[in-house]
Every structure is written in structure tokens, then in C-alpha cells.
Amino acid sequence: MHTPLPRVKKVILSIFAITVVLFITGIIILYNLGSGFLFIEDSEDVQPADALIVLSGESNRLPYAVDLFNQGLADSIILTNSTEKGVTREDAENLGVPSDAIIEETEAESTLDNAVLSEEIMFKYDFTSAIVVTSDYHSRRTKMTFDKIYEDSIDLSYAFAPSFFDASDGLNEREQKMTFSEYVKYIAYSVRLLTY
């Protein structure tokens, strides 16, 4: 004879099933929107700021930030997860950034960490404005995350470095994987940021 599950277990299983279905539905919807959904435009008319916040993850980000630095858009560069190749102090110095303009953050392991830990640095140095630098395909999730964490405490603008991603010629295997990965992370971050 079949013993019915206690009511609590049924509720938990129902919630879990609904969550899984919504998550999968969200991925399907976003994936059908195409890769273009991932990209947003740079902040219009990027203004000078106290600091550039450079996210780790792609080698194109630091040179792009250094170009902005050399244009006089900021006096300091915050390197998030500066232990990662491509965004180390040495990398920045090799690109011509003076050592005293570099601020390192060494603990971040995610975009959310980048936002939380860089905000702490911004407050520590009494900075009131920043330009967040990341790759173009990472722009939507970055902006969503930083806007939520900073919640108008710091004036943010965004600059997105061109990357390998070019959807105009169809998606190659790497671009397909990146699109899927970014959509999954976007949905997960949307839920996770509800607690902030």
C-alpha cells in the first residue's frame, strides 16, 4: 500500500518543481531572444570619475580601461580579483599605469563579489563615482549587479570592451556556450540579487 508523503514534503517538492520549471522556461525565453539581449550600450557620454573598476575575466578589459585612464577619465584604477592573469598590478604597470594609481582587490570570485568588494574600496577611499569596465557580452549582468549593489550610493557609468563575440556572422561554438552561460548566470543573479 502506498503511503502518502507528509504535506510538508509535498509543498517542498512542489516549490522545487515550480522553481526548476521557471528556471528552464527563463533560459529558453532568454536564449530565444538571441545573444543580442546580453549586450547593452556604454553609458552615454561617459564622464570623468574618481576610479575605473576593472572586472577580471577577459584579457581585453584592462587595456580598454587603460585607454580610458589615459584619456583622463579617472585618476585611479581598481583591479578586481587582481590575482587573475590579465588584471594584475604588473599587467597594469606594463600598460603604463603608475603604481600609485592602482588599487587591488584580491578576493572576488564572481561578478557579485566584484560589485560588493569594489564598493567597499570606493567607500574606503571616499570615491563618489566610478566607471565600471567589463566585456561587451558581460554588460547586462554587470550593470544589473552593480546597480543593485551600489543602489545609487556611488555614481556609476559603464564602458564595455569589445570582445571576441560577434553575433553578426552567426554564433560559433564558443559564442553559443558563452550565450548559454551568460543567460544561466543572468537568471541566477536575478534571483540572488533579490536578497540584497
Protein backbone atom coordinates (compact mmCIF):
# COMPACT_ATOMS: atom_id res chain seq x y z
CA MET A 1 0.00 0.00 0.00
CA HIS A 2 1.25 3.47 -0.95
CA THR A 3 1.92 5.76 1.98
CA PRO A 4 1.20 9.44 1.18
CA LEU A 5 4.02 11.91 1.64
CA PRO A 6 3.61 14.27 4.53
CA ARG A 7 2.14 17.60 3.49
CA VAL A 8 5.41 19.49 4.12
CA LYS A 9 7.33 17.26 1.74
CA LYS A 10 4.68 17.76 -0.94
CA VAL A 11 4.92 21.54 -0.54
CA ILE A 12 8.72 21.45 -0.72
CA LEU A 13 8.68 19.21 -3.79
CA SER A 14 6.07 21.43 -5.44
CA ILE A 15 8.10 24.57 -4.80
CA PHE A 16 11.24 22.87 -6.10
CA ALA A 17 9.44 21.65 -9.24
CA ILE A 18 7.96 25.10 -9.91
CA THR A 19 11.40 26.69 -9.42
CA VAL A 20 13.03 24.27 -11.86
CA VAL A 21 10.29 24.81 -14.46
CA LEU A 22 10.53 28.61 -14.13
CA PHE A 23 14.33 28.48 -14.37
CA ILE A 24 14.23 26.34 -17.51
CA THR A 25 11.49 28.49 -19.01
CA GLY A 26 13.55 31.60 -18.30
CA ILE A 27 16.58 30.12 -20.03
CA ILE A 28 14.52 29.12 -23.06
CA ILE A 29 12.96 32.58 -23.32
CA LEU A 30 16.28 34.37 -22.99
CA TYR A 31 18.02 32.00 -25.38
CA ASN A 32 15.29 32.63 -27.94
CA LEU A 33 15.83 36.37 -27.55
CA GLY A 34 19.23 35.72 -29.04
CA SER A 35 22.64 36.84 -27.98
CA GLY A 36 21.77 40.50 -28.58
CA PHE A 37 19.97 40.61 -25.23
CA LEU A 38 23.32 40.23 -23.47
CA PHE A 39 24.66 43.47 -24.90
CA ILE A 40 23.80 46.95 -23.73
CA GLU A 41 25.32 50.21 -24.84
CA ASP A 42 28.06 52.02 -22.94
CA SER A 43 26.83 54.79 -20.70
CA GLU A 44 26.15 57.74 -22.93
CA ASP A 45 28.73 60.44 -22.63
CA VAL A 46 30.97 58.71 -20.07
CA GLN A 47 32.09 61.46 -17.72
CA PRO A 48 35.29 61.61 -15.68
CA ALA A 49 35.06 59.64 -12.44
CA ASP A 50 37.14 59.04 -9.34
CA ALA A 51 38.02 55.49 -10.39
CA LEU A 52 37.79 52.87 -13.07
CA ILE A 53 36.65 49.48 -11.77
CA VAL A 54 38.09 46.74 -13.98
CA LEU A 55 36.45 43.33 -13.75
CA SER A 56 38.63 40.27 -14.19
CA GLY A 57 37.73 37.52 -16.61
CA GLU A 58 38.88 38.61 -20.06
CA SER A 59 42.21 39.98 -21.24
CA ASN A 60 40.55 42.77 -23.27
CA ARG A 61 39.23 44.63 -20.22
CA LEU A 62 42.40 46.05 -18.72
CA PRO A 63 43.79 47.56 -21.96
CA TYR A 64 40.38 49.13 -22.58
CA ALA A 65 40.38 50.60 -19.06
CA VAL A 66 43.94 51.88 -19.52
CA ASP A 67 42.82 53.71 -22.67
CA LEU A 68 40.10 55.40 -20.60
CA PHE A 69 42.66 56.17 -17.88
CA ASN A 70 45.00 57.72 -20.45
CA GLN A 71 42.12 59.88 -21.70
CA GLY A 72 41.96 61.35 -18.21
CA LEU A 73 38.62 59.83 -17.28
CA ALA A 74 39.86 58.66 -13.85
CA ASP A 75 42.88 59.02 -11.59
CA SER A 76 42.66 55.53 -10.07
CA ILE A 77 42.11 52.01 -11.34
CA ILE A 78 40.57 49.37 -9.10
CA LEU A 79 41.58 45.89 -10.28
CA THR A 80 39.03 43.35 -9.11
CA ASN A 81 40.44 39.90 -8.48
CA SER A 82 43.87 41.27 -9.27
CA THR A 83 45.41 37.85 -8.80
CA GLU A 84 43.95 36.71 -12.11
CA LYS A 85 46.13 36.86 -15.22
CA GLY A 86 45.29 39.87 -17.35
CA VAL A 87 44.31 42.17 -14.47
CA THR A 88 47.33 42.06 -12.17
CA ARG A 89 49.20 45.09 -10.87
CA GLU A 90 52.12 44.06 -13.07
CA ASP A 91 49.85 43.91 -16.14
CA ALA A 92 48.55 47.41 -15.42
CA GLU A 93 52.04 48.79 -14.83
CA ASN A 94 53.26 47.18 -18.07
CA LEU A 95 50.48 49.10 -19.84
CA GLY A 96 51.79 52.34 -18.35
CA VAL A 97 49.57 52.84 -15.30
CA PRO A 98 51.53 54.43 -12.44
CA SER A 99 51.78 52.17 -9.40
CA ASP A 100 50.20 54.77 -7.10
CA ALA A 101 47.07 54.87 -9.30
CA ILE A 102 46.41 51.14 -8.88
CA ILE A 103 44.17 49.76 -6.15
CA GLU A 104 43.99 45.99 -5.88
CA GLU A 105 41.11 43.82 -4.73
CA THR A 106 42.23 40.19 -4.44
CA GLU A 107 39.26 38.20 -3.12
CA ALA A 108 36.49 38.38 -5.76
CA GLU A 109 35.39 35.14 -7.35
CA SER A 110 32.29 36.35 -9.19
CA THR A 111 30.66 39.44 -10.67
CA LEU A 112 28.66 39.80 -7.46
CA ASP A 113 31.90 39.71 -5.44
CA ASN A 114 33.37 42.30 -7.82
CA ALA A 115 30.49 44.64 -7.00
CA VAL A 116 30.42 44.07 -3.24
CA LEU A 117 34.18 44.26 -2.72
CA SER A 118 34.76 47.20 -5.06
CA GLU A 119 32.02 49.14 -3.27
CA GLU A 120 33.93 48.65 -0.01
CA ILE A 121 37.04 50.08 -1.69
CA MET A 122 35.05 53.01 -3.07
CA PHE A 123 33.87 53.90 0.44
CA LYS A 124 37.34 53.37 1.94
CA TYR A 125 38.86 55.88 -0.48
CA ASP A 126 35.88 58.27 -0.30
CA PHE A 127 35.29 57.90 -4.03
CA THR A 128 31.89 59.09 -5.22
CA SER A 129 31.95 57.99 -8.86
CA ALA A 130 33.28 55.15 -10.98
CA ILE A 131 33.33 53.78 -14.49
CA VAL A 132 32.81 50.01 -14.48
CA VAL A 133 34.77 48.27 -17.25
CA THR A 134 33.91 44.80 -18.49
CA SER A 135 33.43 42.98 -21.79
CA ASP A 136 30.51 43.73 -24.09
CA TYR A 137 28.87 40.28 -23.73
CA HIS A 138 29.07 40.64 -19.92
CA SER A 139 27.45 44.09 -19.90
CA ARG A 140 23.82 43.35 -18.98
CA ARG A 141 24.61 41.13 -15.98
CA THR A 142 27.34 43.50 -14.80
CA LYS A 143 25.08 46.55 -14.94
CA MET A 144 22.23 44.71 -13.21
CA THR A 145 24.56 43.55 -10.43
CA PHE A 146 26.43 46.81 -9.84
CA ASP A 147 23.25 48.91 -9.97
CA LYS A 148 21.65 46.68 -7.33
CA ILE A 149 24.66 46.50 -5.01
CA TYR A 150 25.58 50.17 -5.26
CA GLU A 151 21.95 51.38 -5.17
CA ASP A 152 22.82 54.96 -6.01
CA SER A 153 25.46 55.18 -3.24
CA ILE A 154 28.10 55.83 -5.91
CA ASP A 155 27.59 57.46 -9.30
CA LEU A 156 28.27 54.67 -11.82
CA SER A 157 28.75 54.69 -15.55
CA TYR A 158 29.79 51.80 -17.76
CA ALA A 159 32.29 51.16 -20.52
CA PHE A 160 32.25 47.84 -22.35
CA ALA A 161 35.34 46.50 -24.06
CA PRO A 162 34.84 44.87 -27.45
CA SER A 163 35.39 41.11 -27.26
CA PHE A 164 35.65 38.00 -29.40
CA PHE A 165 31.84 37.90 -29.50
CA ASP A 166 30.38 38.73 -32.93
CA ALA A 167 26.85 37.50 -33.43
CA SER A 168 26.51 39.18 -36.83
CA ASP A 169 28.09 36.20 -38.58
CA GLY A 170 26.17 33.58 -36.60
CA LEU A 171 27.29 32.07 -33.34
CA ASN A 172 30.31 29.82 -33.32
CA GLU A 173 30.61 27.13 -30.64
CA ARG A 174 32.41 29.40 -28.17
CA GLU A 175 29.80 32.14 -28.62
CA GLN A 176 26.96 29.65 -28.15
CA LYS A 177 28.48 28.40 -24.90
CA MET A 178 29.05 31.95 -23.72
CA THR A 179 25.48 32.95 -24.57
CA PHE A 180 24.06 29.99 -22.66
CA SER A 181 26.39 30.58 -19.71
CA GLU A 182 25.53 34.28 -19.50
CA TYR A 183 21.79 33.56 -19.64
CA VAL A 184 22.03 30.99 -16.86
CA LYS A 185 24.06 33.40 -14.75
CA TYR A 186 21.71 36.28 -15.55
CA ILE A 187 18.72 34.31 -14.28
CA ALA A 188 20.60 33.07 -11.21
CA TYR A 189 21.81 36.58 -10.40
CA SER A 190 18.30 37.97 -10.85
CA VAL A 191 17.10 35.62 -8.12
CA ARG A 192 20.18 36.01 -5.92
CA LEU A 193 20.04 39.82 -6.02
CA LEU A 194 16.54 39.71 -4.52
CA THR A 195 18.26 39.15 -1.15
CA TYR A 196 20.31 42.34 -1.43
